[in-house]
Amino acid sequence: MFEALPAKVQEAIKGAFDILERSDDEARAINDALLAEMLVD
């Protein structure tokens, strides 16, 4: 699934997973904002 995405998006997703691993509320809020931005594009 991820292989079909542009490299830039794959990197963003990897970064999002790194943030999720911290799993505090602030990191989750940042992740949600990143995902919302990707969905708009």
N, C-alpha and C. Protein backbone atom coordinates (compact mmCIF):
# COMPACT_ATOMS: atom_id res chain seq x y z
N MET A 1 0.83 -1.21 0.00
CA MET A 1 0.00 0.00 0.00
C MET A 1 0.87 1.26 0.00
N PHE A 2 1.82 1.34 0.94
CA PHE A 2 2.66 2.53 1.03
C PHE A 2 3.54 2.73 -0.20
N GLU A 3 3.91 1.62 -0.85
CA GLU A 3 4.82 1.71 -1.99
C GLU A 3 4.22 2.55 -3.11
N ALA A 4 2.88 2.60 -3.20
CA ALA A 4 2.21 3.34 -4.27
C ALA A 4 2.25 4.85 -4.02
N LEU A 5 2.56 5.25 -2.81
CA LEU A 5 2.55 6.68 -2.47
C LEU A 5 3.87 7.34 -2.87
N PRO A 6 3.82 8.65 -3.15
CA PRO A 6 5.06 9.38 -3.44
C PRO A 6 6.03 9.29 -2.26
N ALA A 7 7.32 9.37 -2.56
CA ALA A 7 8.35 9.24 -1.51
C ALA A 7 8.14 10.27 -0.40
N LYS A 8 7.74 11.49 -0.78
CA LYS A 8 7.54 12.55 0.20
C LYS A 8 6.46 12.17 1.20
N VAL A 9 5.39 11.56 0.70
CA VAL A 9 4.30 11.14 1.58
C VAL A 9 4.75 9.97 2.45
N GLN A 10 5.51 9.03 1.87
CA GLN A 10 6.03 7.91 2.66
C GLN A 10 6.87 8.43 3.83
N GLU A 11 7.71 9.43 3.57
CA GLU A 11 8.54 10.00 4.63
C GLU A 11 7.67 10.63 5.70
N ALA A 12 6.62 11.33 5.29
CA ALA A 12 5.73 11.97 6.26
C ALA A 12 5.06 10.92 7.13
N ILE A 13 4.66 9.81 6.51
CA ILE A 13 4.02 8.74 7.28
C ILE A 13 5.00 8.12 8.27
N LYS A 14 6.24 7.88 7.83
CA LYS A 14 7.25 7.35 8.75
C LYS A 14 7.44 8.31 9.92
N GLY A 15 7.50 9.60 9.62
CA GLY A 15 7.65 10.60 10.67
C GLY A 15 6.46 10.57 11.62
N ALA A 16 5.27 10.40 11.06
CA ALA A 16 4.06 10.34 11.88
C ALA A 16 4.11 9.14 12.83
N PHE A 17 4.59 7.99 12.32
CA PHE A 17 4.69 6.82 13.18
C PHE A 17 5.72 7.05 14.29
N ASP A 18 6.81 7.75 13.98
CA ASP A 18 7.80 8.07 15.01
C ASP A 18 7.16 8.90 16.11
N ILE A 19 6.33 9.87 15.70
CA ILE A 19 5.64 10.72 16.68
C ILE A 19 4.68 9.87 17.51
N LEU A 20 3.93 8.98 16.85
CA LEU A 20 2.97 8.14 17.55
C LEU A 20 3.64 7.27 18.61
N GLU A 21 4.86 6.84 18.34
CA GLU A 21 5.56 5.99 19.31
C GLU A 21 5.80 6.72 20.62
N ARG A 22 5.90 8.05 20.58
CA ARG A 22 6.03 8.81 21.82
C ARG A 22 4.72 8.78 22.61
N SER A 23 3.61 8.75 21.85
CA SER A 23 2.26 8.53 22.36
C SER A 23 1.84 9.43 23.51
N ASP A 24 2.27 10.69 23.53
CA ASP A 24 1.66 11.62 24.48
C ASP A 24 0.68 12.50 23.70
N ASP A 25 -0.12 13.26 24.41
CA ASP A 25 -1.19 14.02 23.76
C ASP A 25 -0.65 15.05 22.78
N GLU A 26 0.44 15.71 23.13
CA GLU A 26 1.00 16.72 22.24
C GLU A 26 1.45 16.09 20.92
N ALA A 27 2.15 14.97 21.01
CA ALA A 27 2.61 14.28 19.81
C ALA A 27 1.43 13.85 18.96
N ARG A 28 0.37 13.38 19.60
CA ARG A 28 -0.80 12.95 18.86
C ARG A 28 -1.46 14.13 18.15
N ALA A 29 -1.49 15.28 18.82
CA ALA A 29 -2.07 16.48 18.20
C ALA A 29 -1.26 16.90 16.98
N ILE A 30 0.08 16.84 17.09
CA ILE A 30 0.94 17.18 15.95
C ILE A 30 0.68 16.21 14.81
N ASN A 31 0.58 14.93 15.13
CA ASN A 31 0.33 13.90 14.12
C ASN A 31 -1.00 14.14 13.43
N ASP A 32 -2.03 14.45 14.21
CA ASP A 32 -3.35 14.72 13.62
C ASP A 32 -3.28 15.89 12.66
N ALA A 33 -2.53 16.93 13.03
CA ALA A 33 -2.40 18.10 12.17
C ALA A 33 -1.68 17.74 10.87
N LEU A 34 -0.63 16.92 10.98
CA LEU A 34 0.10 16.48 9.78
C LEU A 34 -0.81 15.67 8.86
N LEU A 35 -1.57 14.76 9.45
CA LEU A 35 -2.46 13.93 8.64
C LEU A 35 -3.53 14.78 7.97
N ALA A 36 -4.08 15.74 8.69
CA ALA A 36 -5.10 16.63 8.11
C ALA A 36 -4.52 17.38 6.93
N GLU A 37 -3.28 17.85 7.06
CA GLU A 37 -2.63 18.58 5.98
C GLU A 37 -2.43 17.69 4.75
N MET A 38 -2.03 16.42 4.99
CA MET A 38 -1.83 15.50 3.86
C MET A 38 -3.15 15.20 3.16
N LEU A 39 -4.22 15.11 3.91
CA LEU A 39 -5.52 14.81 3.32
C LEU A 39 -6.01 15.98 2.46
N VAL A 40 -5.69 17.20 2.87
CA VAL A 40 -6.08 18.38 2.10
C VAL A 40 -5.38 18.38 0.74
N ASP A 41 -4.08 18.03 0.73
CA ASP A 41 -3.35 17.94 -0.53
C ASP A 41 -3.94 16.84 -1.38
